[in-house]
C-alpha atoms as a PDB file:
ATOM      1  CA  MET A   1       0.000   0.000   0.000  1.00  0.00           C
ATOM      2  CA  SER A   2       1.479   3.337  -1.032  1.00  0.00           C
ATOM      3  CA  HIS A   3       1.608   6.327   1.271  1.00  0.00           C
ATOM      4  CA  ARG A   4       1.580   9.967   0.304  1.00  0.00           C
ATOM      5  CA  SER A   5       4.595  12.036   1.248  1.00  0.00           C
ATOM      6  CA  ILE A   6       4.809  15.635   2.357  1.00  0.00           C
ATOM      7  CA  SER A   7       7.669  17.873   3.294  1.00  0.00           C
ATOM      8  CA  PRO A   8       9.152  17.201   6.738  1.00  0.00           C
ATOM      9  CA  GLU A   9       9.018  20.934   7.331  1.00  0.00           C
ATOM     10  CA  ALA A  10       5.227  20.931   7.122  1.00  0.00           C
ATOM     11  CA  GLY A  11       3.358  21.576  10.343  1.00  0.00           C
ATOM     12  CA  PRO A  12       0.123  22.950  11.790  1.00  0.00           C
ATOM     13  CA  LEU A  13      -1.318  25.975  10.075  1.00  0.00           C
ATOM     14  CA  PRO A  14      -2.215  29.282  11.751  1.00  0.00           C
ATOM     15  CA  ALA A  15      -5.966  29.500  12.314  1.00  0.00           C
ATOM     16  CA  GLY A  16      -6.792  32.256   9.803  1.00  0.00           C
ATOM     17  CA  ARG A  17      -4.588  31.152   6.941  1.00  0.00           C
ATOM     18  CA  GLY A  18      -5.327  27.519   7.784  1.00  0.00           C
ATOM     19  CA  TRP A  19      -9.059  27.838   7.070  1.00  0.00           C
ATOM     20  CA  SER A  20      -8.343  29.753   3.873  1.00  0.00           C
ATOM     21  CA  ARG A  21      -6.072  26.933   2.678  1.00  0.00           C
ATOM     22  CA  VAL A  22      -8.605  24.277   3.712  1.00  0.00           C
ATOM     23  CA  ARG A  23     -11.260  25.953   1.547  1.00  0.00           C
ATOM     24  CA  ARG A  24      -8.899  25.649  -1.410  1.00  0.00           C
ATOM     25  CA  THR A  25      -8.403  21.928  -0.802  1.00  0.00           C
ATOM     26  CA  PRO A  26     -11.488  20.249  -2.331  1.00  0.00           C
ATOM     27  CA  ALA A  27     -10.350  16.700  -1.550  1.00  0.00           C
ATOM     28  CA  LEU A  28     -10.138  17.478   2.161  1.00  0.00           C
ATOM     29  CA  LEU A  29     -13.509  19.230   2.175  1.00  0.00           C
ATOM     30  CA  ALA A  30     -15.217  16.430   0.255  1.00  0.00           C
ATOM     31  CA  GLY A  31     -13.723  13.651   2.391  1.00  0.00           C
ATOM     32  CA  SER A  32     -14.487  15.464   5.640  1.00  0.00           C
ATOM     33  CA  PHE A  33     -18.086  16.077   4.565  1.00  0.00           C
ATOM     34  CA  MET A  34     -18.543  12.424   3.599  1.00  0.00           C
ATOM     35  CA  MET A  35     -17.170  11.228   6.942  1.00  0.00           C
ATOM     36  CA  LEU A  36     -19.208  13.792   8.854  1.00  0.00           C
ATOM     37  CA  VAL A  37     -22.418  12.531   7.238  1.00  0.00           C
ATOM     38  CA  LEU A  38     -21.590   8.932   8.146  1.00  0.00           C
ATOM     39  CA  ILE A  39     -20.602   9.811  11.715  1.00  0.00           C
ATOM     40  CA  LEU A  40     -23.768  11.855  12.265  1.00  0.00           C
ATOM     41  CA  LEU A  41     -25.899   8.985  10.949  1.00  0.00           C
ATOM     42  CA  ALA A  42     -24.085   6.547  13.257  1.00  0.00           C
ATOM     43  CA  VAL A  43     -24.557   8.813  16.273  1.00  0.00           C
ATOM     44  CA  PHE A  44     -28.202   9.679  15.682  1.00  0.00           C
ATOM     45  CA  ILE A  45     -29.490   6.412  14.178  1.00  0.00           C
ATOM     46  CA  PRO A  46     -31.526   5.564  17.353  1.00  0.00           C
ATOM     47  CA  TRP A  47     -33.557   8.734  16.691  1.00  0.00           C
ATOM     48  CA  ILE A  48     -33.598   8.387  12.892  1.00  0.00           C
ATOM     49  CA  SER A  49     -34.879   4.817  12.661  1.00  0.00           C
ATOM     50  CA  PRO A  50     -37.635   3.231  14.772  1.00  0.00           C
ATOM     51  CA  TYR A  51     -36.326  -0.289  14.142  1.00  0.00           C
ATOM     52  CA  ASP A  52     -34.184  -2.509  16.336  1.00  0.00           C
ATOM     53  CA  PRO A  53     -31.065  -3.635  14.411  1.00  0.00           C
ATOM     54  CA  ILE A  54     -31.189  -7.193  15.794  1.00  0.00           C
ATOM     55  CA  ALA A  55     -34.927  -7.781  16.356  1.00  0.00           C
ATOM     56  CA  GLN A  56     -36.332 -10.299  13.848  1.00  0.00           C
ATOM     57  CA  ASP A  57     -39.676  -9.940  12.051  1.00  0.00           C
ATOM     58  CA  LEU A  58     -40.197 -12.932   9.772  1.00  0.00           C
ATOM     59  CA  SER A  59     -43.417 -11.425   8.446  1.00  0.00           C
ATOM     60  CA  ALA A  60     -41.267  -8.730   6.770  1.00  0.00           C
ATOM     61  CA  PHE A  61     -39.002 -11.289   5.040  1.00  0.00           C
ATOM     62  CA  LEU A  62     -36.916  -9.826   2.169  1.00  0.00           C
ATOM     63  CA  ARG A  63     -39.044  -6.784   1.492  1.00  0.00           C
ATOM     64  CA  PRO A  64     -37.721  -4.474  -1.248  1.00  0.00           C
ATOM     65  CA  PRO A  65     -36.851  -0.819  -0.559  1.00  0.00           C
ATOM     66  CA  SER A  66     -39.944   1.187   0.339  1.00  0.00           C
ATOM     67  CA  ALA A  67     -41.126   4.158   2.372  1.00  0.00           C
ATOM     68  CA  ASP A  68     -41.237   1.970   5.491  1.00  0.00           C
ATOM     69  CA  HIS A  69     -37.902   0.272   4.862  1.00  0.00           C
ATOM     70  CA  TRP A  70     -35.643   2.632   2.898  1.00  0.00           C
ATOM     71  CA  LEU A  71     -33.214  -0.127   1.866  1.00  0.00           C
ATOM     72  CA  GLY A  72     -35.567  -3.075   2.295  1.00  0.00           C
ATOM     73  CA  THR A  73     -35.275  -5.895   4.822  1.00  0.00           C
ATOM     74  CA  ASP A  74     -33.015  -8.916   5.134  1.00  0.00           C
ATOM     75  CA  GLN A  75     -33.793 -12.647   5.319  1.00  0.00           C
ATOM     76  CA  LEU A  76     -34.843 -12.288   8.958  1.00  0.00           C
ATOM     77  CA  GLY A  77     -37.037  -9.246   8.400  1.00  0.00           C
ATOM     78  CA  ARG A  78     -34.588  -6.760   9.908  1.00  0.00           C
ATOM     79  CA  ASP A  79     -34.470  -3.251   8.472  1.00  0.00           C
ATOM     80  CA  LEU A  80     -31.372  -3.047   6.278  1.00  0.00           C
ATOM     81  CA  PHE A  81     -30.793   0.705   6.599  1.00  0.00           C
ATOM     82  CA  THR A  82     -30.863   0.454  10.391  1.00  0.00           C
ATOM     83  CA  ARG A  83     -28.433  -2.450  10.424  1.00  0.00           C
ATOM     84  CA  LEU A  84     -26.185  -0.703   7.881  1.00  0.00           C
ATOM     85  CA  ILE A  85     -25.766   2.371  10.082  1.00  0.00           C
ATOM     86  CA  TYR A  86     -25.407   0.387  13.305  1.00  0.00           C
ATOM     87  CA  ALA A  87     -22.722  -1.614  11.482  1.00  0.00           C
ATOM     88  CA  ALA A  88     -20.962   1.698  10.807  1.00  0.00           C
ATOM     89  CA  ARG A  89     -20.900   2.246  14.564  1.00  0.00           C
ATOM     90  CA  THR A  90     -19.353  -1.179  15.052  1.00  0.00           C
ATOM     91  CA  ASP A  91     -16.772  -1.136  12.265  1.00  0.00           C
ATOM     92  CA  LEU A  92     -15.705   2.503  12.520  1.00  0.00           C
ATOM     93  CA  GLY A  93     -15.409   2.231  16.296  1.00  0.00           C
ATOM     94  CA  ILE A  94     -13.162  -0.822  16.028  1.00  0.00           C
ATOM     95  CA  MET A  95     -11.169   0.819  13.228  1.00  0.00           C
ATOM     96  CA  VAL A  96     -10.382   3.887  15.352  1.00  0.00           C
ATOM     97  CA  LEU A  97      -9.621   1.959  18.545  1.00  0.00           C
ATOM     98  CA  ALA A  98      -7.398  -0.488  16.657  1.00  0.00           C
ATOM     99  CA  GLU A  99      -5.258   2.405  15.392  1.00  0.00           C
ATOM    100  CA  ILE A 100      -4.698   4.377  18.604  1.00  0.00           C
ATOM    101  CA  ILE A 101      -1.984   2.243  20.226  1.00  0.00           C
ATOM    102  CA  PRO A 102      -0.151   1.347  16.968  1.00  0.00           C
ATOM    103  CA  PHE A 103      -0.140   5.019  15.929  1.00  0.00           C
ATOM    104  CA  CYS A 104       1.342   6.255  19.225  1.00  0.00           C
ATOM    105  CA  LEU A 105       3.732   3.318  19.581  1.00  0.00           C
ATOM    106  CA  GLY A 106       4.944   3.486  15.986  1.00  0.00           C
ATOM    107  CA  ILE A 107       5.692   7.209  16.101  1.00  0.00           C
ATOM    108  CA  THR A 108       7.523   6.860  19.428  1.00  0.00           C
ATOM    109  CA  VAL A 109       9.624   3.882  18.347  1.00  0.00           C
ATOM    110  CA  GLY A 110      10.378   5.395  14.955  1.00  0.00           C
ATOM    111  CA  MET A 111      11.470   8.734  16.404  1.00  0.00           C
ATOM    112  CA  LEU A 112      13.789   7.057  18.888  1.00  0.00           C
ATOM    113  CA  ALA A 113      15.331   4.865  16.187  1.00  0.00           C
ATOM    114  CA  GLY A 114      15.757   7.711  13.703  1.00  0.00           C
ATOM    115  CA  TYR A 115      17.122  10.235  16.170  1.00  0.00           C
ATOM    116  CA  TYR A 116      19.474   8.073  18.231  1.00  0.00           C
ATOM    117  CA  GLY A 117      20.438   5.545  15.544  1.00  0.00           C
ATOM    118  CA  GLY A 118      22.999   2.931  16.624  1.00  0.00           C
ATOM    119  CA  TRP A 119      21.721  -0.208  18.341  1.00  0.00           C
ATOM    120  CA  VAL A 120      18.251   1.281  18.791  1.00  0.00           C
ATOM    121  CA  ASP A 121      17.894   1.718  15.031  1.00  0.00           C
ATOM    122  CA  THR A 122      19.327  -1.750  14.400  1.00  0.00           C
ATOM    123  CA  ILE A 123      16.808  -3.479  16.686  1.00  0.00           C
ATOM    124  CA  VAL A 124      13.835  -1.510  15.321  1.00  0.00           C
ATOM    125  CA  SER A 125      14.878  -2.239  11.725  1.00  0.00           C
ATOM    126  CA  LEU A 126      15.262  -5.942  12.494  1.00  0.00           C
ATOM    127  CA  VAL A 127      11.823  -6.177  14.115  1.00  0.00           C
ATOM    128  CA  THR A 128      10.041  -4.258  11.359  1.00  0.00           C
ATOM    129  CA  ASP A 129      11.744  -6.240   8.595  1.00  0.00           C
ATOM    130  CA  THR A 130      10.792  -9.500  10.328  1.00  0.00           C
ATOM    131  CA  PHE A 131       7.101  -8.601  10.554  1.00  0.00           C
ATOM    132  CA  ILE A 132       7.007  -7.265   6.998  1.00  0.00           C
ATOM    133  CA  ALA A 133       8.280 -10.650   5.767  1.00  0.00           C
ATOM    134  CA  PHE A 134       4.969 -12.255   6.844  1.00  0.00           C
ATOM    135  CA  PRO A 135       1.767 -11.688   4.809  1.00  0.00           C
ATOM    136  CA  PHE A 136      -0.442  -9.291   6.736  1.00  0.00           C
ATOM    137  CA  TYR A 137      -3.729 -11.151   6.227  1.00  0.00           C
ATOM    138  CA  LEU A 138      -2.132 -14.434   7.265  1.00  0.00           C
ATOM    139  CA  ILE A 139      -1.257 -12.882  10.625  1.00  0.00           C
ATOM    140  CA  VAL A 140      -4.768 -11.419  10.925  1.00  0.00           C
ATOM    141  CA  ILE A 141      -6.459 -14.757  10.247  1.00  0.00           C
ATOM    142  CA  ILE A 142      -4.143 -16.729  12.565  1.00  0.00           C
ATOM    143  CA  VAL A 143      -4.707 -14.310  15.461  1.00  0.00           C
ATOM    144  CA  ALA A 144      -8.455 -14.206  14.788  1.00  0.00           C
ATOM    145  CA  PHE A 145      -8.695 -17.992  14.893  1.00  0.00           C
ATOM    146  CA  ALA A 146      -6.576 -18.153  18.045  1.00  0.00           C
ATOM    147  CA  SER A 147      -8.525 -15.469  19.934  1.00  0.00           C
ATOM    148  CA  GLY A 148     -11.990 -16.348  18.645  1.00  0.00           C
ATOM    149  CA  ALA A 149     -14.576 -14.252  16.847  1.00  0.00           C
ATOM    150  CA  GLY A 150     -14.953 -10.650  17.905  1.00  0.00           C
ATOM    151  CA  ALA A 151     -13.019  -7.413  18.096  1.00  0.00           C
ATOM    152  CA  GLN A 152     -10.342  -8.855  20.391  1.00  0.00           C
ATOM    153  CA  GLY A 153      -8.436 -10.553  17.559  1.00  0.00           C
ATOM    154  CA  ILE A 154      -8.428  -7.367  15.507  1.00  0.00           C
ATOM    155  CA  TYR A 155      -7.041  -5.322  18.391  1.00  0.00           C
ATOM    156  CA  ILE A 156      -4.325  -7.906  19.109  1.00  0.00           C
ATOM    157  CA  THR A 157      -3.312  -8.128  15.453  1.00  0.00           C
ATOM    158  CA  PHE A 158      -2.925  -4.403  14.972  1.00  0.00           C
ATOM    159  CA  MET A 159      -1.081  -3.982  18.249  1.00  0.00           C
ATOM    160  CA  LEU A 160       1.362  -6.582  16.927  1.00  0.00           C
ATOM    161  CA  VAL A 161       1.891  -5.259  13.404  1.00  0.00           C
ATOM    162  CA  GLY A 162      -0.026  -2.015  12.943  1.00  0.00           C
ATOM    163  CA  TRP A 163       2.708   0.140  14.460  1.00  0.00           C
ATOM    164  CA  ILE A 164       5.270  -0.829  11.808  1.00  0.00           C
ATOM    165  CA  VAL A 165       4.105   1.544   9.069  1.00  0.00           C
ATOM    166  CA  PHE A 166       4.154   4.505  11.471  1.00  0.00           C
ATOM    167  CA  ALA A 167       7.558   3.498  12.830  1.00  0.00           C
ATOM    168  CA  ARG A 168       9.050   3.375   9.335  1.00  0.00           C
ATOM    169  CA  VAL A 169       7.648   6.786   8.423  1.00  0.00           C
ATOM    170  CA  SER A 170       8.692   8.520  11.660  1.00  0.00           C
ATOM    171  CA  ARG A 171      12.109   6.811  11.638  1.00  0.00           C
ATOM    172  CA  GLY A 172      12.885   8.130   8.162  1.00  0.00           C
ATOM    173  CA  LEU A 173      11.728  11.642   8.980  1.00  0.00           C
ATOM    174  CA  ALA A 174      13.560  11.725  12.321  1.00  0.00           C
ATOM    175  CA  ALA A 175      16.793  10.539  10.694  1.00  0.00           C
ATOM    176  CA  SER A 176      16.458  13.272   8.068  1.00  0.00           C
ATOM    177  CA  LEU A 177      15.477  16.034  10.465  1.00  0.00           C
ATOM    178  CA  LYS A 178      18.261  15.390  12.972  1.00  0.00           C
ATOM    179  CA  ARG A 179      20.756  16.515  10.316  1.00  0.00           C
ATOM    180  CA  GLN A 180      19.072  19.920  10.044  1.00  0.00           C
ATOM    181  CA  GLU A 181      20.879  22.944  11.437  1.00  0.00           C
ATOM    182  CA  TRP A 182      18.128  23.855  13.855  1.00  0.00           C
ATOM    183  CA  ILE A 183      18.362  20.418  15.500  1.00  0.00           C
ATOM    184  CA  ALA A 184      22.148  20.789  15.733  1.00  0.00           C
ATOM    185  CA  SER A 185      21.611  24.207  17.341  1.00  0.00           C
ATOM    186  CA  ALA A 186      19.251  22.702  19.921  1.00  0.00           C
ATOM    187  CA  GLN A 187      21.833  20.026  20.720  1.00  0.00           C
ATOM    188  CA  THR A 188      24.579  22.657  21.021  1.00  0.00           C
ATOM    189  CA  LEU A 189      22.434  24.589  23.504  1.00  0.00           C
ATOM    190  CA  GLY A 190      22.352  21.456  25.644  1.00  0.00           C
ATOM    191  CA  LEU A 191      18.651  20.652  25.307  1.00  0.00           C
ATOM    192  CA  PRO A 192      17.912  17.111  26.529  1.00  0.00           C
ATOM    193  CA  GLY A 193      17.017  14.491  23.921  1.00  0.00           C
ATOM    194  CA  TRP A 194      13.419  14.079  25.106  1.00  0.00           C
ATOM    195  CA  ARG A 195      12.792  17.800  24.686  1.00  0.00           C
ATOM    196  CA  ILE A 196      14.210  17.823  21.161  1.00  0.00           C
ATOM    197  CA  LEU A 197      12.045  14.824  20.299  1.00  0.00           C
ATOM    198  CA  LEU A 198       8.825  16.304  21.675  1.00  0.00           C
ATOM    199  CA  ARG A 199       9.295  19.967  20.840  1.00  0.00           C
ATOM    200  CA  HIS A 200      11.180  19.893  17.558  1.00  0.00           C
ATOM    201  CA  LEU A 201      10.791  16.501  15.882  1.00  0.00           C
ATOM    202  CA  LEU A 202       7.259  15.428  16.815  1.00  0.00           C
ATOM    203  CA  PRO A 203       5.464  18.531  15.405  1.00  0.00           C
ATOM    204  CA  ASN A 204       7.219  17.961  12.067  1.00  0.00           C
ATOM    205  CA  ILE A 205       6.573  14.215  11.997  1.00  0.00           C
ATOM    206  CA  LEU A 206       2.893  14.283  12.967  1.00  0.00           C
ATOM    207  CA  PRO A 207       1.573  15.764   9.677  1.00  0.00           C
ATOM    208  CA  GLN A 208       3.078  12.941   7.590  1.00  0.00           C
ATOM    209  CA  ALA A 209       2.014  10.360  10.176  1.00  0.00           C
ATOM    210  CA  VAL A 210      -1.599  11.606  10.129  1.00  0.00           C
ATOM    211  CA  VAL A 211      -1.687  11.360   6.324  1.00  0.00           C
ATOM    212  CA  VAL A 212      -0.432   7.774   6.567  1.00  0.00           C
ATOM    213  CA  LEU A 213      -3.007   7.125   9.300  1.00  0.00           C
ATOM    214  CA  MET A 214      -5.856   7.941   6.919  1.00  0.00           C
ATOM    215  CA  THR A 215      -4.550   5.434   4.386  1.00  0.00           C
ATOM    216  CA  ASP A 216      -3.895   2.821   7.042  1.00  0.00           C
ATOM    217  CA  MET A 217      -7.420   3.164   8.406  1.00  0.00           C
ATOM    218  CA  VAL A 218      -8.736   2.017   5.037  1.00  0.00           C
ATOM    219  CA  GLY A 219      -6.615  -1.123   5.378  1.00  0.00           C
ATOM    220  CA  VAL A 220      -7.889  -1.717   8.917  1.00  0.00           C
ATOM    221  CA  LEU A 221     -11.491  -1.325   7.763  1.00  0.00           C
ATOM    222  CA  VAL A 222     -10.963  -3.793   4.915  1.00  0.00           C
ATOM    223  CA  ALA A 223      -9.427  -6.260   7.397  1.00  0.00           C
ATOM    224  CA  ILE A 224     -12.432  -5.905   9.730  1.00  0.00           C
ATOM    225  CA  VAL A 225     -14.872  -6.444   6.877  1.00  0.00           C
ATOM    226  CA  THR A 226     -12.859  -9.375   5.504  1.00  0.00           C
ATOM    227  CA  LEU A 227     -12.861 -11.141   8.870  1.00  0.00           C
ATOM    228  CA  GLY A 228     -16.607 -10.581   9.158  1.00  0.00           C
ATOM    229  CA  TYR A 229     -17.115 -11.962   5.669  1.00  0.00           C
ATOM    230  CA  LEU A 230     -15.079 -15.083   6.559  1.00  0.00           C
ATOM    231  CA  GLY A 231     -17.075 -15.584   9.750  1.00  0.00           C
ATOM    232  CA  ILE A 232     -14.169 -14.961  12.141  1.00  0.00           C
ATOM    233  CA  GLY A 233     -14.823 -11.288  12.829  1.00  0.00           C
ATOM    234  CA  ILE A 234     -17.671  -9.645  14.717  1.00  0.00           C
ATOM    235  CA  ALA A 235     -20.043 -12.326  16.006  1.00  0.00           C
ATOM    236  CA  PRO A 236     -23.725 -12.164  14.943  1.00  0.00           C
ATOM    237  CA  PRO A 237     -26.227 -10.712  15.594  1.00  0.00           C
ATOM    238  CA  THR A 238     -24.085  -7.563  16.045  1.00  0.00           C
ATOM    239  CA  PRO A 239     -24.361  -5.625  12.758  1.00  0.00           C
ATOM    240  CA  ASP A 240     -21.136  -5.689  10.742  1.00  0.00           C
ATOM    241  CA  TRP A 241     -20.621  -4.840   7.079  1.00  0.00           C
ATOM    242  CA  GLY A 242     -18.588  -7.972   6.343  1.00  0.00           C
ATOM    243  CA  THR A 243     -21.158 -10.297   7.903  1.00  0.00           C
ATOM    244  CA  MET A 244     -23.964  -8.499   6.053  1.00  0.00           C
ATOM    245  CA  VAL A 245     -22.197  -8.990   2.713  1.00  0.00           C
ATOM    246  CA  ALA A 246     -21.741 -12.705   3.462  1.00  0.00           C
ATOM    247  CA  ASP A 247     -25.353 -13.171   4.629  1.00  0.00           C
ATOM    248  CA  GLY A 248     -26.718 -11.540   1.479  1.00  0.00           C
ATOM    249  CA  GLN A 249     -24.788 -13.721  -0.965  1.00  0.00           C
ATOM    250  CA  SER A 250     -27.455 -16.406  -1.006  1.00  0.00           C
ATOM    251  CA  PHE A 251     -30.040 -13.879  -2.187  1.00  0.00           C
ATOM    252  CA  MET A 252     -28.096 -12.074  -4.927  1.00  0.00           C
ATOM    253  CA  THR A 253     -30.662 -12.892  -7.626  1.00  0.00           C
ATOM    254  CA  THR A 254     -33.722 -11.990  -5.560  1.00  0.00           C
ATOM    255  CA  ALA A 255     -32.466  -9.352  -3.088  1.00  0.00           C
ATOM    256  CA  TRP A 256     -29.195  -7.985  -4.452  1.00  0.00           C
ATOM    257  CA  TRP A 257     -29.292  -5.000  -2.123  1.00  0.00           C
ATOM    258  CA  LEU A 258     -28.494  -7.166   0.913  1.00  0.00           C
ATOM    259  CA  SER A 259     -24.858  -7.500  -0.162  1.00  0.00           C
ATOM    260  CA  ALA A 260     -24.599  -4.434  -2.376  1.00  0.00           C
ATOM    261  CA  MET A 261     -25.464  -1.847   0.279  1.00  0.00           C
ATOM    262  CA  PRO A 262     -22.873  -2.851   2.912  1.00  0.00           C
ATOM    263  CA  GLY A 263     -20.331  -3.225   0.099  1.00  0.00           C
ATOM    264  CA  LEU A 264     -21.071   0.304  -1.051  1.00  0.00           C
ATOM    265  CA  ALA A 265     -20.787   1.516   2.542  1.00  0.00           C
ATOM    266  CA  VAL A 266     -17.235   0.125   2.719  1.00  0.00           C
ATOM    267  CA  VAL A 267     -16.343   1.776  -0.608  1.00  0.00           C
ATOM    268  CA  TYR A 268     -17.905   5.074   0.533  1.00  0.00           C
ATOM    269  CA  THR A 269     -15.891   5.071   3.770  1.00  0.00           C
ATOM    270  CA  GLY A 270     -12.675   4.128   1.981  1.00  0.00           C
ATOM    271  CA  ILE A 271     -13.113   6.959  -0.522  1.00  0.00           C
ATOM    272  CA  ALA A 272     -13.818   9.444   2.289  1.00  0.00           C
ATOM    273  CA  LEU A 273     -10.691   8.466   4.225  1.00  0.00           C
ATOM    274  CA  SER A 274      -8.551   8.513   1.069  1.00  0.00           C
ATOM    275  CA  LEU A 275      -9.826  11.982   0.166  1.00  0.00           C
ATOM    276  CA  ILE A 276      -9.005  13.235   3.656  1.00  0.00           C
ATOM    277  CA  GLY A 277      -5.507  11.799   3.366  1.00  0.00           C
ATOM    278  CA  ASP A 278      -4.993  13.332  -0.085  1.00  0.00           C
ATOM    279  CA  GLY A 279      -6.365  16.650   1.105  1.00  0.00           C
ATOM    280  CA  LEU A 280      -4.149  16.791   4.187  1.00  0.00           C
ATOM    281  CA  ALA A 281      -1.094  15.927   2.085  1.00  0.00           C
ATOM    282  CA  ASP A 282      -1.962  18.711  -0.384  1.00  0.00           C
ATOM    283  CA  LEU A 283      -2.650  21.147   2.436  1.00  0.00           C
ATOM    284  CA  TRP A 284       0.644  20.613   4.246  1.00  0.00           C
ATOM    285  CA  ARG A 285       2.642  20.339   1.020  1.00  0.00           C
ATOM    286  CA  ARG A 286       1.273  23.714  -0.077  1.00  0.00           C
ATOM    287  CA  LYS A 287       2.202  25.214   3.285  1.00  0.00           C
ATOM    288  CA  SER A 288       5.774  24.006   2.944  1.00  0.00           C
END
């Protein structure tokens, strides 16, 4: 998976000029709007829909889209729109939580390796190269089988390997930045290493790391949906896009929307996150 690059000198924008630049970044605006719509639906779905996402009504078996059921019903009579948005709650929540620890850990490890070099860099490089040698989805499936269905396997997997991409990015930037004159000046003034890392390196590494985070979130979401599709992800009856796609396969000729709608929801979310990543990269690149 490719990651967008921006100048290591890029950083947060002043409030006034920042908003002006954001308005001239259509990808960021479009992606943010798309995600905002999805998040608002996920938050307010209990007030938007009168239906229970797991309650069955066999008398409403496989109804087509209508005024009562905007996206129809599934094979158990459950409202598809309601389940689709509750599934967004499930999958997006897991996606965000699965990224928090790897993001923080990867940036920390990468900065230490890039700034100090030596044996620290050697160990970090050895560990990252070892994990990269294994196919990502093989690790995901093995951990999921070992830990059982549910979010636990996803969290464990991404704590094991999710930090690597952030470590590689922050390591490269830290190694490049430490050769800059302003870092040498800080060292000459006797500033401790932790202060240089937090005050001078971190603000310049975070923009690139956040751009990579947007791309990586798409990969996490696809992994969540894939596990659900294979039956080793979120356990039914909890709504999950992957499980919904799998459940609808048997009805493709009579109720195609059962699989199509959750599939489109995954594509929609992936496009939104990619647009945000592209927009942030353009925004910070323009600033530099």
